[in-house]
């Protein structure tokens, strides 16, 4: 069993007081404790941004990679060692700006990873530029004045569903019970699991406040939403404004990338027996 002390890291947490990331980190720790598997079975990958600090603040195996690149790194880990529980922590800018192509291809490949996407609608680490999820017309440090953000925001849930993710959900960093439950289900899911996590940036996004989300979010469970209906899930992904749906939007069962690549006889890269004669033949072919 894993307890909270096991997960405490020595690094000082460097998030602003009131940041939504504290709730996400707490939910992640609660998730690991609930699943109960040894810490060495987990591998956390993050990109650049405030979300990228997560591997530093929890005592698990972690890899802090380049901006927009956590999903390809996580894909490599999951394919090489299918026994790992691979988790991505990335932000809205990391995922839907530089990393959008990686997200879509990770989803269509159905690689067995859980992606927890921190969405605060702003670039917080670099001090307040608008991000791909900042709503049209919102005033930020870098938006033209007085018109605000001059383009439509990305629809994260819709992108994940259309891209081919087999588990698509949304949580809120202020609802620990729901968020922890979604994280547990995402990690246990066999395939590409995508969880958008709505959170406030109390310093740079004065629109998406704690009260903003508390007054608008509701659970799809309250409406008996059918998570096997892809069309209904996609329609719900466009609901945003006075009401913001949370919970499980869509789930399906589909063969994962790892099972497409490996046969039971061959095994994965970490278990496959290598014939050194094959290696010598390759060396000989490449010799001058």
Protein backbone atom coordinates (compact mmCIF):
# COMPACT_ATOMS: atom_id res chain seq x y z
CA UNK A 1 0.00 0.00 0.00
CA UNK A 2 1.09 3.56 -0.72
CA UNK A 3 0.44 6.29 1.84
CA UNK A 4 0.62 10.06 1.54
CA UNK A 5 4.05 10.27 3.16
CA UNK A 6 5.43 7.92 0.50
CA UNK A 7 4.38 10.41 -2.17
CA UNK A 8 5.83 13.54 -0.56
CA UNK A 9 8.73 15.00 -2.55
CA UNK A 10 11.50 17.13 -0.99
CA UNK A 11 11.12 19.98 -3.50
CA UNK A 12 9.40 23.17 -2.39
CA UNK A 13 6.13 23.64 -4.28
CA UNK A 14 6.35 26.74 -6.48
CA UNK A 15 2.77 27.59 -7.37
CA UNK A 16 0.93 30.76 -6.42
CA UNK A 17 -1.36 30.61 -3.37
CA UNK A 18 -4.82 29.68 -4.62
CA UNK A 19 -3.56 27.99 -7.80
CA UNK A 20 -5.78 25.18 -9.09
CA UNK A 21 -2.73 22.94 -9.43
CA UNK A 22 -2.77 22.25 -5.70
CA UNK A 23 -6.11 20.51 -6.07
CA UNK A 24 -4.86 18.53 -9.06
CA UNK A 25 -1.76 17.38 -7.18
CA UNK A 26 -3.84 16.35 -4.19
CA UNK A 27 -6.26 14.42 -6.42
CA UNK A 28 -3.31 12.68 -8.09
CA UNK A 29 -1.94 11.57 -4.72
CA UNK A 30 -5.39 10.38 -3.63
CA UNK A 31 -5.62 8.47 -6.90
CA UNK A 32 -2.28 6.69 -6.44
CA UNK A 33 -3.25 5.74 -2.89
CA UNK A 34 -6.65 4.44 -3.99
CA UNK A 35 -5.21 2.28 -6.77
CA UNK A 36 -2.69 0.94 -4.29
CA UNK A 37 0.03 -0.26 -6.64
CA UNK A 38 3.74 0.23 -5.83
CA UNK A 39 5.25 3.58 -6.77
CA UNK A 40 7.71 2.02 -9.21
CA UNK A 41 4.78 0.96 -11.43
CA UNK A 42 4.11 4.62 -12.35
CA UNK A 43 5.82 6.93 -14.80
CA UNK A 44 4.79 10.59 -15.02
CA UNK A 45 5.69 12.74 -18.03
CA UNK A 46 5.17 16.49 -18.23
CA UNK A 47 5.90 19.33 -20.62
CA UNK A 48 6.51 23.03 -20.07
CA UNK A 49 4.24 25.22 -17.97
CA UNK A 50 2.99 25.23 -14.41
CA UNK A 51 1.60 21.74 -15.03
CA UNK A 52 5.11 20.65 -15.96
CA UNK A 53 6.22 20.91 -12.34
CA UNK A 54 4.05 17.98 -11.20
CA UNK A 55 6.80 15.30 -11.48
CA UNK A 56 8.97 17.41 -9.17
CA UNK A 57 6.30 17.58 -6.47
CA UNK A 58 5.38 13.89 -6.16
CA UNK A 59 7.68 11.00 -5.30
CA UNK A 60 7.18 8.87 -8.42
CA UNK A 61 9.28 8.14 -11.49
CA UNK A 62 9.08 11.22 -13.68
CA UNK A 63 10.35 12.85 -16.86
CA UNK A 64 10.12 16.61 -17.49
CA UNK A 65 10.40 17.03 -21.23
CA UNK A 66 10.16 19.75 -23.88
CA UNK A 67 7.25 22.07 -24.61
CA UNK A 68 4.45 20.18 -26.36
CA UNK A 69 6.28 16.83 -26.26
CA UNK A 70 5.04 14.84 -23.23
CA UNK A 71 2.71 12.58 -25.26
CA UNK A 72 5.39 11.20 -27.64
CA UNK A 73 7.69 10.55 -24.66
CA UNK A 74 4.84 8.83 -22.83
CA UNK A 75 4.03 6.82 -25.96
CA UNK A 76 7.59 5.50 -26.12
CA UNK A 77 7.49 4.49 -22.46
CA UNK A 78 4.12 2.76 -22.76
CA UNK A 79 5.12 0.84 -25.88
CA UNK A 80 8.51 -0.20 -24.50
CA UNK A 81 7.10 -1.29 -21.14
CA UNK A 82 3.35 -1.98 -21.22
CA UNK A 83 3.48 -2.92 -17.54
CA UNK A 84 3.94 0.73 -16.56
CA UNK A 85 1.08 3.04 -15.70
CA UNK A 86 2.07 6.05 -17.80
CA UNK A 87 0.55 9.43 -16.89
CA UNK A 88 0.89 12.72 -18.76
CA UNK A 89 0.45 16.09 -17.04
CA UNK A 90 0.30 18.94 -19.55
CA UNK A 91 -1.31 22.34 -19.83
CA UNK A 92 -3.72 23.90 -22.31
CA UNK A 93 -0.89 25.66 -24.13
CA UNK A 94 1.39 22.63 -24.00
CA UNK A 95 -1.32 20.32 -25.39
CA UNK A 96 -3.30 22.48 -27.82
CA UNK A 97 -0.57 24.81 -29.02
CA UNK A 98 2.74 23.19 -29.85
CA UNK A 99 1.54 19.72 -28.85
CA UNK A 100 -1.80 19.49 -30.69
CA UNK A 101 -0.50 17.16 -33.39
CA UNK A 102 0.96 14.82 -30.79
CA UNK A 103 -2.32 14.76 -28.87
CA UNK A 104 -4.39 13.87 -31.93
CA UNK A 105 -2.02 11.12 -33.07
CA UNK A 106 -1.74 9.72 -29.55
CA UNK A 107 -5.52 9.52 -29.45
CA UNK A 108 -5.94 7.82 -32.83
CA UNK A 109 -3.19 5.31 -32.01
CA UNK A 110 -4.98 4.53 -28.74
CA UNK A 111 -1.71 4.25 -26.86
CA UNK A 112 -2.29 3.11 -23.27
CA UNK A 113 -1.62 6.34 -21.36
CA UNK A 114 -3.67 8.66 -19.14
CA UNK A 115 -3.45 12.35 -20.09
CA UNK A 116 -4.42 14.87 -17.41
CA UNK A 117 -4.69 18.25 -19.12
CA UNK A 118 -4.57 21.31 -16.84
CA UNK A 119 -6.75 23.96 -18.49
CA UNK A 120 -6.65 27.43 -16.96
CA UNK A 121 -7.21 29.26 -20.25
CA UNK A 122 -3.95 31.20 -20.07
CA UNK A 123 -0.16 30.85 -20.28
CA UNK A 124 0.60 31.25 -16.58
CA UNK A 125 4.30 30.38 -16.46
CA UNK A 126 5.12 33.09 -18.98
CA UNK A 127 2.90 35.62 -17.25
CA UNK A 128 -0.46 35.89 -18.93
CA UNK A 129 -0.47 35.46 -22.70
CA UNK A 130 -3.68 34.09 -24.18
CA UNK A 131 -3.62 30.35 -24.89
CA UNK A 132 -5.46 28.13 -27.40
CA UNK A 133 -8.32 27.74 -24.90
CA UNK A 134 -8.74 31.43 -23.95
CA UNK A 135 -12.29 32.44 -24.97
CA UNK A 136 -12.82 34.72 -27.96
CA UNK A 137 -12.89 38.38 -26.93
CA UNK A 138 -11.22 37.95 -23.52
CA UNK A 139 -8.69 40.67 -22.67
CA UNK A 140 -5.21 39.38 -21.80
CA UNK A 141 -1.71 40.85 -21.73
CA UNK A 142 -1.11 39.92 -25.37
CA UNK A 143 -4.57 40.25 -26.93
CA UNK A 144 -5.29 43.25 -29.20
CA UNK A 145 -7.15 45.99 -27.37
CA UNK A 146 -10.01 46.66 -27.21
CA UNK A 147 -11.17 43.57 -29.16
CA UNK A 148 -9.51 40.93 -26.97
CA UNK A 149 -8.57 37.45 -28.22
CA UNK A 150 -9.30 37.62 -31.97
CA UNK A 151 -9.99 33.93 -32.59
CA UNK A 152 -12.19 31.08 -31.40
CA UNK A 153 -10.96 28.86 -28.58
CA UNK A 154 -10.05 25.21 -29.07
CA UNK A 155 -12.63 22.68 -27.85
CA UNK A 156 -10.48 20.20 -25.86
CA UNK A 157 -13.19 17.59 -25.29
CA UNK A 158 -14.31 17.77 -28.91
CA UNK A 159 -10.73 17.46 -30.18
CA UNK A 160 -10.16 14.37 -28.04
CA UNK A 161 -13.38 12.67 -29.18
CA UNK A 162 -12.82 13.41 -32.87
CA UNK A 163 -9.16 12.44 -32.56
CA UNK A 164 -10.08 8.95 -31.39
CA UNK A 165 -9.49 8.94 -27.64
CA UNK A 166 -11.27 5.99 -26.03
CA UNK A 167 -11.84 7.67 -22.64
CA UNK A 168 -12.77 11.36 -22.57
CA UNK A 169 -13.72 13.22 -19.39
CA UNK A 170 -13.66 16.62 -17.71
CA UNK A 171 -13.08 17.43 -14.05
CA UNK A 172 -12.68 20.54 -11.91
CA UNK A 173 -9.79 21.09 -9.53
CA UNK A 174 -12.26 22.26 -6.88
CA UNK A 175 -14.16 18.94 -6.81
CA UNK A 176 -11.76 16.44 -5.28
CA UNK A 177 -14.18 13.51 -5.12
CA UNK A 178 -15.18 13.67 -8.77
CA UNK A 179 -11.67 14.46 -10.04
CA UNK A 180 -10.07 11.62 -8.10
CA UNK A 181 -12.69 9.21 -9.39
CA UNK A 182 -12.05 10.27 -12.98
CA UNK A 183 -8.29 9.94 -12.55
CA UNK A 184 -8.65 6.42 -11.14
CA UNK A 185 -10.87 5.37 -14.06
CA UNK A 186 -8.54 6.99 -16.60
CA UNK A 187 -5.45 5.20 -15.28
CA UNK A 188 -7.26 1.85 -15.19
CA UNK A 189 -8.65 2.33 -18.71
CA UNK A 190 -6.92 0.34 -21.45
CA UNK A 191 -6.23 2.92 -24.13
CA UNK A 192 -5.79 6.66 -24.59
CA UNK A 193 -7.54 8.36 -21.67
CA UNK A 194 -8.01 12.13 -21.82
CA UNK A 195 -9.13 14.12 -18.79
CA UNK A 196 -9.48 17.88 -19.16
CA UNK A 197 -9.14 19.51 -15.73
CA UNK A 198 -10.64 22.98 -15.41
CA UNK A 199 -8.74 25.16 -12.97
CA UNK A 200 -8.37 28.82 -12.06
CA UNK A 201 -5.25 30.89 -12.56
CA UNK A 202 -5.83 33.35 -9.74
CA UNK A 203 -3.16 35.78 -10.98
CA UNK A 204 -3.50 35.99 -14.77
CA UNK A 205 -7.04 34.85 -15.63
CA UNK A 206 -9.58 37.02 -13.84
CA UNK A 207 -12.52 35.42 -15.68
CA UNK A 208 -12.07 31.73 -14.85
CA UNK A 209 -12.20 32.13 -11.07
CA UNK A 210 -13.12 29.54 -8.44
CA UNK A 211 -16.63 31.00 -8.28
CA UNK A 212 -16.92 30.97 -12.07
CA UNK A 213 -16.55 27.19 -12.15
CA UNK A 214 -18.46 26.46 -8.95
CA UNK A 215 -21.50 28.34 -10.27
CA UNK A 216 -21.48 26.66 -13.70
CA UNK A 217 -20.17 23.11 -13.50
CA UNK A 218 -22.55 20.18 -13.23
CA UNK A 219 -22.09 16.41 -13.55
CA UNK A 220 -23.20 14.50 -16.62
CA UNK A 221 -24.23 11.74 -14.22
CA UNK A 222 -27.12 13.99 -13.15
CA UNK A 223 -28.49 13.87 -16.71
CA UNK A 224 -28.06 10.12 -17.28
CA UNK A 225 -25.67 10.85 -20.13
CA UNK A 226 -24.87 7.80 -22.30
CA UNK A 227 -21.05 7.72 -22.45
CA UNK A 228 -21.13 5.10 -25.22
CA UNK A 229 -22.88 7.52 -27.60
CA UNK A 230 -20.13 9.32 -29.51
CA UNK A 231 -22.46 11.79 -31.20
CA UNK A 232 -24.12 12.75 -27.91
CA UNK A 233 -20.69 13.15 -26.31
CA UNK A 234 -19.54 15.42 -29.12
CA UNK A 235 -22.69 17.53 -28.83
CA UNK A 236 -22.09 17.92 -25.08
CA UNK A 237 -18.52 19.06 -25.75
CA UNK A 238 -19.91 22.28 -27.27
CA UNK A 239 -21.91 23.16 -24.15
CA UNK A 240 -20.06 26.06 -22.52
CA UNK A 241 -21.27 29.22 -20.84
CA UNK A 242 -23.88 29.33 -18.13
CA UNK A 243 -23.57 25.55 -17.79
CA UNK A 244 -20.34 23.55 -18.05
CA UNK A 245 -20.65 19.73 -18.07
CA UNK A 246 -18.16 17.61 -16.15
CA UNK A 247 -17.69 13.87 -15.77
CA UNK A 248 -17.31 11.09 -18.33
CA UNK A 249 -18.25 12.22 -21.85
CA UNK A 250 -17.22 9.17 -23.87
CA UNK A 251 -15.76 5.69 -23.45
CA UNK A 252 -15.20 2.81 -25.82
CA UNK A 253 -13.14 -0.38 -25.93
CA UNK A 254 -10.57 -0.65 -28.73
CA UNK A 255 -7.30 -2.52 -29.16
CA UNK A 256 -4.31 -0.49 -27.94
CA UNK A 257 -1.19 0.41 -29.89
CA UNK A 258 0.93 -1.93 -27.78
CA UNK A 259 -1.25 -4.92 -28.65
CA UNK A 260 -1.15 -3.96 -32.32
CA UNK A 261 2.65 -3.97 -32.25
CA UNK A 262 3.43 -7.02 -30.11
CA UNK A 263 2.33 -10.63 -30.24
CA UNK A 264 2.19 -12.60 -26.97
CA UNK A 265 5.07 -14.73 -28.26
CA UNK A 266 7.36 -11.77 -28.86
CA UNK A 267 6.64 -9.82 -25.71
CA UNK A 268 7.51 -6.15 -25.18
CA UNK A 269 10.91 -4.49 -25.51
CA UNK A 270 11.64 -4.94 -21.81
CA UNK A 271 10.87 -8.69 -21.87
CA UNK A 272 11.85 -9.67 -25.42
CA UNK A 273 14.87 -11.97 -25.67
CA UNK A 274 17.42 -10.48 -28.04
CA UNK A 275 19.48 -12.71 -30.30
CA UNK A 276 22.93 -11.15 -30.32
CA UNK A 277 23.67 -12.79 -33.66
CA UNK A 278 21.08 -10.47 -35.16
CA UNK A 279 22.91 -7.52 -33.65
CA UNK A 280 26.25 -8.70 -35.01
CA UNK A 281 24.75 -9.06 -38.48
CA UNK A 282 23.51 -5.46 -38.29
CA UNK A 283 26.94 -4.24 -37.15
CA UNK A 284 28.61 -6.10 -40.01
CA UNK A 285 26.21 -4.58 -42.54
CA UNK A 286 26.98 -1.07 -41.26
CA UNK A 287 30.74 -1.57 -41.13
CA UNK A 288 32.88 0.30 -43.64
